[in-house]
All heavy atoms as atom14 arrays in JSON, in Angstrom:
{
  "sequence": "ASGRTASTAIMGWFRQAPGKEREFVASISWFTGSTSYADS",
  "atom14_mask": [
    [1, 1, 1, 1, 1, 0, 0, 0, 0, 0, 0, 0, 0, 0],
    [1, 1, 1, 1, 1, 1, 0, 0, 0, 0, 0, 0, 0, 0],
    [1, 1, 1, 1, 0, 0, 0, 0, 0, 0, 0, 0, 0, 0],
    [1, 1, 1, 1, 1, 1, 1, 1, 1, 1, 1, 0, 0, 0],
    [1, 1, 1, 1, 1, 1, 1, 0, 0, 0, 0, 0, 0, 0],
    [1, 1, 1, 1, 1, 0, 0, 0, 0, 0, 0, 0, 0, 0],
    [1, 1, 1, 1, 1, 1, 0, 0, 0, 0, 0, 0, 0, 0],
    [1, 1, 1, 1, 1, 1, 1, 0, 0, 0, 0, 0, 0, 0],
    [1, 1, 1, 1, 1, 0, 0, 0, 0, 0, 0, 0, 0, 0],
    [1, 1, 1, 1, 1, 1, 1, 1, 0, 0, 0, 0, 0, 0],
    [1, 1, 1, 1, 1, 1, 1, 1, 0, 0, 0, 0, 0, 0],
    [1, 1, 1, 1, 0, 0, 0, 0, 0, 0, 0, 0, 0, 0],
    [1, 1, 1, 1, 1, 1, 1, 1, 1, 1, 1, 1, 1, 1],
    [1, 1, 1, 1, 1, 1, 1, 1, 1, 1, 1, 0, 0, 0],
    [1, 1, 1, 1, 1, 1, 1, 1, 1, 1, 1, 0, 0, 0],
    [1, 1, 1, 1, 1, 1, 1, 1, 1, 0, 0, 0, 0, 0],
    [1, 1, 1, 1, 1, 0, 0, 0, 0, 0, 0, 0, 0, 0],
    [1, 1, 1, 1, 1, 1, 1, 0, 0, 0, 0, 0, 0, 0],
    [1, 1, 1, 1, 0, 0, 0, 0, 0, 0, 0, 0, 0, 0],
    [1, 1, 1, 1, 1, 1, 1, 1, 1, 0, 0, 0, 0, 0],
    [1, 1, 1, 1, 1, 1, 1, 1, 1, 0, 0, 0, 0, 0],
    [1, 1, 1, 1, 1, 1, 1, 1, 1, 1, 1, 0, 0, 0],
    [1, 1, 1, 1, 1, 1, 1, 1, 1, 0, 0, 0, 0, 0],
    [1, 1, 1, 1, 1, 1, 1, 1, 1, 1, 1, 0, 0, 0],
    [1, 1, 1, 1, 1, 1, 1, 0, 0, 0, 0, 0, 0, 0],
    [1, 1, 1, 1, 1, 0, 0, 0, 0, 0, 0, 0, 0, 0],
    [1, 1, 1, 1, 1, 1, 0, 0, 0, 0, 0, 0, 0, 0],
    [1, 1, 1, 1, 1, 1, 1, 1, 0, 0, 0, 0, 0, 0],
    [1, 1, 1, 1, 1, 1, 0, 0, 0, 0, 0, 0, 0, 0],
    [1, 1, 1, 1, 1, 1, 1, 1, 1, 1, 1, 1, 1, 1],
    [1, 1, 1, 1, 1, 1, 1, 1, 1, 1, 1, 0, 0, 0],
    [1, 1, 1, 1, 1, 1, 1, 0, 0, 0, 0, 0, 0, 0],
    [1, 1, 1, 1, 0, 0, 0, 0, 0, 0, 0, 0, 0, 0],
    [1, 1, 1, 1, 1, 1, 0, 0, 0, 0, 0, 0, 0, 0],
    [1, 1, 1, 1, 1, 1, 1, 0, 0, 0, 0, 0, 0, 0],
    [1, 1, 1, 1, 1, 1, 0, 0, 0, 0, 0, 0, 0, 0],
    [1, 1, 1, 1, 1, 1, 1, 1, 1, 1, 1, 1, 0, 0],
    [1, 1, 1, 1, 1, 0, 0, 0, 0, 0, 0, 0, 0, 0],
    [1, 1, 1, 1, 1, 1, 1, 1, 0, 0, 0, 0, 0, 0],
    [1, 1, 1, 1, 1, 1, 0, 0, 0, 0, 0, 0, 0, 0]
  ],
  "atom14_positions": [
    [[-2.84, 9.65, 8.47], [-2.69, 11.0, 9.01], [-4.04, 11.63, 9.27], [-4.98, 11.47, 8.48], [-1.89, 11.87, 8.04], [0.0, 0.0, 0.0], [0.0, 0.0, 0.0], [0.0, 0.0, 0.0], [0.0, 0.0, 0.0], [0.0, 0.0, 0.0], [0.0, 0.0, 0.0], [0.0, 0.0, 0.0], [0.0, 0.0, 0.0], [0.0, 0.0, 0.0]],
    [[-4.14, 12.36, 10.36], [-5.36, 13.07, 10.69], [-5.01, 14.38, 11.38], [-3.86, 14.63, 11.74], [-6.28, 12.23, 11.56], [-5.66, 11.88, 12.78], [0.0, 0.0, 0.0], [0.0, 0.0, 0.0], [0.0, 0.0, 0.0], [0.0, 0.0, 0.0], [0.0, 0.0, 0.0], [0.0, 0.0, 0.0], [0.0, 0.0, 0.0], [0.0, 0.0, 0.0]],
    [[-6.02, 15.23, 11.59], [-5.8, 16.53, 12.19], [-5.56, 17.59, 11.13], [-6.14, 17.54, 10.05], [0.0, 0.0, 0.0], [0.0, 0.0, 0.0], [0.0, 0.0, 0.0], [0.0, 0.0, 0.0], [0.0, 0.0, 0.0], [0.0, 0.0, 0.0], [0.0, 0.0, 0.0], [0.0, 0.0, 0.0], [0.0, 0.0, 0.0], [0.0, 0.0, 0.0]],
    [[-4.67, 18.53, 11.42], [-4.4, 19.65, 10.52], [-3.38, 19.27, 9.47], [-2.29, 19.83, 9.4], [-3.95, 20.86, 11.32], [-5.01, 21.41, 12.25], [-4.57, 22.7, 12.9], [-5.61, 23.27, 13.73], [-5.53, 24.42, 14.35], [-4.43, 25.16, 14.23], [-6.53, 24.86, 15.09], [0.0, 0.0, 0.0], [0.0, 0.0, 0.0], [0.0, 0.0, 0.0]],
    [[-3.77, 18.34, 8.63], [-2.85, 17.82, 7.63], [-2.52, 18.83, 6.54], [-1.52, 18.67, 5.84], [-3.4, 16.54, 6.99], [-4.69, 16.79, 6.44], [-3.51, 15.44, 8.04], [0.0, 0.0, 0.0], [0.0, 0.0, 0.0], [0.0, 0.0, 0.0], [0.0, 0.0, 0.0], [0.0, 0.0, 0.0], [0.0, 0.0, 0.0], [0.0, 0.0, 0.0]],
    [[-3.34, 19.87, 6.4], [-3.06, 20.9, 5.4], [-1.77, 21.65, 5.69], [-1.22, 22.3, 4.81], [-4.23, 21.87, 5.31], [0.0, 0.0, 0.0], [0.0, 0.0, 0.0], [0.0, 0.0, 0.0], [0.0, 0.0, 0.0], [0.0, 0.0, 0.0], [0.0, 0.0, 0.0], [0.0, 0.0, 0.0], [0.0, 0.0, 0.0], [0.0, 0.0, 0.0]],
    [[-1.3, 21.57, 6.91], [-0.06, 22.25, 7.28], [1.18, 21.49, 6.85], [2.3, 22.0, 7.02], [-0.02, 22.49, 8.79], [0.06, 21.26, 9.49], [0.0, 0.0, 0.0], [0.0, 0.0, 0.0], [0.0, 0.0, 0.0], [0.0, 0.0, 0.0], [0.0, 0.0, 0.0], [0.0, 0.0, 0.0], [0.0, 0.0, 0.0], [0.0, 0.0, 0.0]],
    [[1.01, 20.3, 6.3], [2.14, 19.49, 5.89], [2.04, 19.16, 4.41], [0.99, 18.75, 3.92], [2.23, 18.19, 6.7], [1.1, 17.37, 6.41], [2.26, 18.49, 8.19], [0.0, 0.0, 0.0], [0.0, 0.0, 0.0], [0.0, 0.0, 0.0], [0.0, 0.0, 0.0], [0.0, 0.0, 0.0], [0.0, 0.0, 0.0], [0.0, 0.0, 0.0]],
    [[3.13, 19.34, 3.7], [3.19, 19.04, 2.27], [3.95, 17.75, 1.98], [3.84, 17.21, 0.88], [3.84, 20.19, 1.51], [0.0, 0.0, 0.0], [0.0, 0.0, 0.0], [0.0, 0.0, 0.0], [0.0, 0.0, 0.0], [0.0, 0.0, 0.0], [0.0, 0.0, 0.0], [0.0, 0.0, 0.0], [0.0, 0.0, 0.0], [0.0, 0.0, 0.0]],
    [[4.72, 17.29, 2.96], [5.62, 16.16, 2.78], [5.31, 15.08, 3.8], [5.09, 15.37, 4.98], [7.09, 16.61, 2.93], [7.41, 17.76, 1.96], [8.04, 15.44, 2.75], [7.3, 17.38, 0.5], [0.0, 0.0, 0.0], [0.0, 0.0, 0.0], [0.0, 0.0, 0.0], [0.0, 0.0, 0.0], [0.0, 0.0, 0.0], [0.0, 0.0, 0.0]],
    [[5.33, 13.84, 3.36], [5.26, 12.7, 4.24], [6.51, 11.86, 4.04], [7.08, 11.82, 2.95], [4.02, 11.86, 3.97], [2.71, 12.59, 4.19], [2.41, 12.93, 5.95], [2.09, 11.28, 6.56], [0.0, 0.0, 0.0], [0.0, 0.0, 0.0], [0.0, 0.0, 0.0], [0.0, 0.0, 0.0], [0.0, 0.0, 0.0], [0.0, 0.0, 0.0]],
    [[6.91, 11.19, 5.1], [8.12, 10.39, 4.98], [8.2, 9.27, 5.98], [7.34, 9.11, 6.85], [0.0, 0.0, 0.0], [0.0, 0.0, 0.0], [0.0, 0.0, 0.0], [0.0, 0.0, 0.0], [0.0, 0.0, 0.0], [0.0, 0.0, 0.0], [0.0, 0.0, 0.0], [0.0, 0.0, 0.0], [0.0, 0.0, 0.0], [0.0, 0.0, 0.0]],
    [[9.26, 8.5, 5.82], [9.57, 7.4, 6.72], [11.02, 7.5, 7.15], [11.92, 7.73, 6.32], [9.34, 6.04, 6.06], [7.91, 5.73, 5.76], [7.24, 5.98, 4.61], [6.99, 5.08, 6.64], [5.95, 5.54, 4.7], [5.76, 4.98, 5.94], [7.07, 4.58, 7.94], [4.62, 4.4, 6.5], [5.95, 4.01, 8.5], [4.74, 3.92, 7.78]],
    [[11.25, 7.34, 8.44], [12.57, 7.17, 9.01], [12.61, 5.83, 9.73], [11.57, 5.24, 10.0], [12.89, 8.29, 10.01], [13.32, 9.59, 9.39], [12.43, 10.36, 8.66], [14.61, 10.06, 9.56], [12.81, 11.56, 8.1], [15.01, 11.28, 9.02], [14.12, 12.02, 8.28], [0.0, 0.0, 0.0], [0.0, 0.0, 0.0], [0.0, 0.0, 0.0]],
    [[13.8, 5.38, 10.05], [13.93, 4.16, 10.83], [15.08, 4.29, 11.82], [16.01, 5.05, 11.6], [14.13, 2.93, 9.94], [15.44, 2.91, 9.17], [15.47, 1.74, 8.21], [16.74, 1.65, 7.5], [16.99, 0.79, 6.52], [16.04, -0.06, 6.13], [18.17, 0.77, 5.93], [0.0, 0.0, 0.0], [0.0, 0.0, 0.0], [0.0, 0.0, 0.0]],
    [[14.99, 3.52, 12.89], [16.03, 3.51, 13.9], [16.28, 2.08, 14.36], [15.39, 1.44, 14.91], [15.66, 4.39, 15.08], [16.79, 4.57, 16.08], [16.52, 5.68, 17.08], [15.37, 6.04, 17.32], [17.57, 6.24, 17.65], [0.0, 0.0, 0.0], [0.0, 0.0, 0.0], [0.0, 0.0, 0.0], [0.0, 0.0, 0.0], [0.0, 0.0, 0.0]],
    [[17.49, 1.61, 14.11], [17.9, 0.29, 14.55], [18.51, 0.38, 15.94], [18.96, 1.45, 16.36], [18.91, -0.29, 13.56], [0.0, 0.0, 0.0], [0.0, 0.0, 0.0], [0.0, 0.0, 0.0], [0.0, 0.0, 0.0], [0.0, 0.0, 0.0], [0.0, 0.0, 0.0], [0.0, 0.0, 0.0], [0.0, 0.0, 0.0], [0.0, 0.0, 0.0]],
    [[18.55, -0.73, 16.67], [19.13, -0.7, 18.01], [20.56, -0.18, 18.01], [21.4, -0.62, 17.21], [19.09, -2.17, 18.44], [17.96, -2.75, 17.65], [18.01, -2.05, 16.33], [0.0, 0.0, 0.0], [0.0, 0.0, 0.0], [0.0, 0.0, 0.0], [0.0, 0.0, 0.0], [0.0, 0.0, 0.0], [0.0, 0.0, 0.0], [0.0, 0.0, 0.0]],
    [[20.83, 0.78, 18.88], [22.16, 1.35, 18.99], [22.56, 2.29, 17.88], [23.71, 2.73, 17.84], [0.0, 0.0, 0.0], [0.0, 0.0, 0.0], [0.0, 0.0, 0.0], [0.0, 0.0, 0.0], [0.0, 0.0, 0.0], [0.0, 0.0, 0.0], [0.0, 0.0, 0.0], [0.0, 0.0, 0.0], [0.0, 0.0, 0.0], [0.0, 0.0, 0.0]],
    [[21.63, 2.61, 16.98], [21.93, 3.47, 15.84], [21.12, 4.76, 15.89], [20.12, 4.85, 16.59], [21.63, 2.74, 14.52], [22.32, 1.4, 14.37], [23.82, 1.55, 14.26], [24.48, 0.2, 14.01], [25.96, 0.32, 13.94], [0.0, 0.0, 0.0], [0.0, 0.0, 0.0], [0.0, 0.0, 0.0], [0.0, 0.0, 0.0], [0.0, 0.0, 0.0]],
    [[21.57, 5.74, 15.13], [20.83, 6.98, 14.99], [19.65, 6.77, 14.06], [19.65, 5.89, 13.19], [21.73, 8.08, 14.45], [22.93, 8.41, 15.33], [22.51, 8.99, 16.65], [21.53, 9.76, 16.7], [23.17, 8.68, 17.66], [0.0, 0.0, 0.0], [0.0, 0.0, 0.0], [0.0, 0.0, 0.0], [0.0, 0.0, 0.0], [0.0, 0.0, 0.0]],
    [[18.64, 7.6, 14.23], [17.51, 7.56, 13.33], [17.96, 8.01, 11.94], [18.67, 9.01, 11.8], [16.39, 8.46, 13.85], [15.1, 8.34, 13.06], [13.97, 9.14, 13.7], [13.64, 8.64, 15.03], [12.58, 9.03, 15.72], [11.73, 9.92, 15.19], [12.36, 8.54, 16.92], [0.0, 0.0, 0.0], [0.0, 0.0, 0.0], [0.0, 0.0, 0.0]],
    [[17.55, 7.27, 10.91], [17.98, 7.59, 9.56], [16.79, 7.72, 8.61], [15.78, 7.04, 8.75], [18.95, 6.53, 9.03], [18.34, 5.16, 8.85], [19.3, 4.17, 8.18], [20.31, 4.61, 7.59], [19.02, 2.95, 8.25], [0.0, 0.0, 0.0], [0.0, 0.0, 0.0], [0.0, 0.0, 0.0], [0.0, 0.0, 0.0], [0.0, 0.0, 0.0]],
    [[16.98, 8.57, 7.63], [15.98, 8.8, 6.6], [15.83, 7.57, 5.71], [16.82, 6.94, 5.35], [16.4, 10.0, 5.76], [15.58, 10.22, 4.53], [14.34, 10.82, 4.6], [16.06, 9.83, 3.29], [13.57, 11.04, 3.46], [15.31, 10.03, 2.15], [14.06, 10.64, 2.24], [0.0, 0.0, 0.0], [0.0, 0.0, 0.0], [0.0, 0.0, 0.0]],
    [[14.59, 7.26, 5.35], [14.3, 6.16, 4.44], [13.72, 6.67, 3.12], [14.24, 6.37, 2.06], [13.33, 5.15, 5.08], [12.97, 4.05, 4.08], [13.94, 4.54, 6.34], [0.0, 0.0, 0.0], [0.0, 0.0, 0.0], [0.0, 0.0, 0.0], [0.0, 0.0, 0.0], [0.0, 0.0, 0.0], [0.0, 0.0, 0.0], [0.0, 0.0, 0.0]],
    [[12.63, 7.43, 3.2], [11.96, 7.9, 1.99], [11.04, 9.04, 2.33], [10.58, 9.19, 3.47], [11.17, 6.77, 1.33], [0.0, 0.0, 0.0], [0.0, 0.0, 0.0], [0.0, 0.0, 0.0], [0.0, 0.0, 0.0], [0.0, 0.0, 0.0], [0.0, 0.0, 0.0], [0.0, 0.0, 0.0], [0.0, 0.0, 0.0], [0.0, 0.0, 0.0]],
    [[10.72, 9.87, 1.33], [9.73, 10.92, 1.48], [8.95, 11.08, 0.19], [9.38, 10.64, -0.88], [10.36, 12.26, 1.9], [11.16, 12.8, 0.86], [0.0, 0.0, 0.0], [0.0, 0.0, 0.0], [0.0, 0.0, 0.0], [0.0, 0.0, 0.0], [0.0, 0.0, 0.0], [0.0, 0.0, 0.0], [0.0, 0.0, 0.0], [0.0, 0.0, 0.0]],
    [[7.79, 11.72, 0.31], [6.92, 11.95, -0.85], [6.15, 13.23, -0.65], [5.77, 13.58, 0.47], [5.97, 10.74, -1.07], [5.22, 10.87, -2.39], [5.01, 10.58, 0.11], [4.5, 9.6, -2.81], [0.0, 0.0, 0.0], [0.0, 0.0, 0.0], [0.0, 0.0, 0.0], [0.0, 0.0, 0.0], [0.0, 0.0, 0.0], [0.0, 0.0, 0.0]],
    [[5.89, 13.94, -1.75], [5.06, 15.13, -1.72], [3.6, 14.74, -1.91], [3.26, 13.99, -2.82], [5.48, 16.09, -2.83], [4.52, 17.12, -3.0], [0.0, 0.0, 0.0], [0.0, 0.0, 0.0], [0.0, 0.0, 0.0], [0.0, 0.0, 0.0], [0.0, 0.0, 0.0], [0.0, 0.0, 0.0], [0.0, 0.0, 0.0], [0.0, 0.0, 0.0]],
    [[2.74, 15.27, -1.06], [1.3, 15.03, -1.22], [0.8, 15.48, -2.58], [-0.05, 14.83, -3.19], [0.51, 15.8, -0.16], [0.43, 15.21, 1.2], [0.92, 15.74, 2.35], [-0.21, 13.99, 1.58], [0.63, 14.94, 3.43], [-0.06, 13.85, 2.97], [-0.9, 12.99, 0.87], [-0.57, 12.75, 3.67], [-1.38, 11.89, 1.56], [-1.23, 11.79, 2.94]],
    [[1.36, 16.58, -3.07], [0.76, 17.26, -4.21], [1.38, 16.87, -5.55], [0.66, 16.78, -6.55], [0.84, 18.77, -4.0], [0.21, 19.21, -2.72], [0.99, 19.56, -1.63], [-1.16, 19.27, -2.6], [0.4, 19.95, -0.43], [-1.75, 19.65, -1.41], [-0.97, 19.99, -0.33], [0.0, 0.0, 0.0], [0.0, 0.0, 0.0], [0.0, 0.0, 0.0]],
    [[2.66, 16.65, -5.59], [3.33, 16.31, -6.84], [3.66, 14.83, -6.95], [3.9, 14.34, -8.06], [4.62, 17.12, -7.01], [5.6, 16.67, -6.07], [4.35, 18.6, -6.83], [0.0, 0.0, 0.0], [0.0, 0.0, 0.0], [0.0, 0.0, 0.0], [0.0, 0.0, 0.0], [0.0, 0.0, 0.0], [0.0, 0.0, 0.0], [0.0, 0.0, 0.0]],
    [[3.72, 14.13, -5.83], [4.14, 12.74, -5.85], [5.63, 12.54, -5.97], [6.08, 11.4, -6.06], [0.0, 0.0, 0.0], [0.0, 0.0, 0.0], [0.0, 0.0, 0.0], [0.0, 0.0, 0.0], [0.0, 0.0, 0.0], [0.0, 0.0, 0.0], [0.0, 0.0, 0.0], [0.0, 0.0, 0.0], [0.0, 0.0, 0.0], [0.0, 0.0, 0.0]],
    [[6.38, 13.62, -5.96], [7.83, 13.52, -6.06], [8.38, 12.75, -4.86], [7.97, 12.98, -3.72], [8.45, 14.91, -6.12], [9.86, 14.84, -6.19], [0.0, 0.0, 0.0], [0.0, 0.0, 0.0], [0.0, 0.0, 0.0], [0.0, 0.0, 0.0], [0.0, 0.0, 0.0], [0.0, 0.0, 0.0], [0.0, 0.0, 0.0], [0.0, 0.0, 0.0]],
    [[9.33, 11.85, -5.11], [9.85, 10.98, -4.06], [11.35, 11.15, -3.88], [12.07, 11.59, -4.78], [9.55, 9.51, -4.37], [10.13, 9.16, -5.63], [8.05, 9.27, -4.41], [0.0, 0.0, 0.0], [0.0, 0.0, 0.0], [0.0, 0.0, 0.0], [0.0, 0.0, 0.0], [0.0, 0.0, 0.0], [0.0, 0.0, 0.0], [0.0, 0.0, 0.0]],
    [[11.79, 10.76, -2.71], [13.21, 10.73, -2.39], [13.48, 9.47, -1.58], [12.67, 9.1, -0.73], [13.61, 11.98, -1.6], [14.99, 11.98, -1.3], [0.0, 0.0, 0.0], [0.0, 0.0, 0.0], [0.0, 0.0, 0.0], [0.0, 0.0, 0.0], [0.0, 0.0, 0.0], [0.0, 0.0, 0.0], [0.0, 0.0, 0.0], [0.0, 0.0, 0.0]],
    [[14.61, 8.82, -1.84], [14.95, 7.57, -1.16], [16.39, 7.59, -0.67], [17.28, 8.16, -1.32], [14.81, 6.37, -2.09], [13.4, 6.09, -2.54], [12.92, 6.58, -3.75], [12.55, 5.31, -1.76], [11.63, 6.31, -4.17], [11.26, 5.04, -2.17], [10.8, 5.54, -3.38], [9.51, 5.28, -3.79], [0.0, 0.0, 0.0], [0.0, 0.0, 0.0]],
    [[16.6, 6.93, 0.45], [17.96, 6.66, 0.88], [18.6, 5.66, -0.07], [17.93, 4.76, -0.6], [17.96, 6.1, 2.3], [0.0, 0.0, 0.0], [0.0, 0.0, 0.0], [0.0, 0.0, 0.0], [0.0, 0.0, 0.0], [0.0, 0.0, 0.0], [0.0, 0.0, 0.0], [0.0, 0.0, 0.0], [0.0, 0.0, 0.0], [0.0, 0.0, 0.0]],
    [[19.89, 5.79, -0.28], [20.59, 4.87, -1.18], [20.44, 3.42, -0.73], [20.4, 2.51, -1.57], [22.07, 5.23, -1.25], [22.33, 6.51, -2.02], [21.45, 6.96, -2.78], [23.45, 7.06, -1.89], [0.0, 0.0, 0.0], [0.0, 0.0, 0.0], [0.0, 0.0, 0.0], [0.0, 0.0, 0.0], [0.0, 0.0, 0.0], [0.0, 0.0, 0.0]],
    [[20.36, 3.19, 0.56], [20.3, 1.84, 1.09], [19.01, 1.11, 0.74], [18.97, -0.12, 0.82], [20.49, 1.86, 2.61], [19.49, 2.64, 3.22], [0.0, 0.0, 0.0], [0.0, 0.0, 0.0], [0.0, 0.0, 0.0], [0.0, 0.0, 0.0], [0.0, 0.0, 0.0], [0.0, 0.0, 0.0], [0.0, 0.0, 0.0], [0.0, 0.0, 0.0]]
  ]
}
C-alpha cells in the first residue's frame, strides 16, 4: 500500500471466481491486528 494510507484503518482480501460474485476472504486492522475470516 502507498499514498494516503493514514486514511485507512483496515486492510482486506476479497476474491472473485468465474461467474461468481466477489466475496470477502479476510480483513485485518493496521493498529490492533484484529482479524476476520470467511468461514470457507
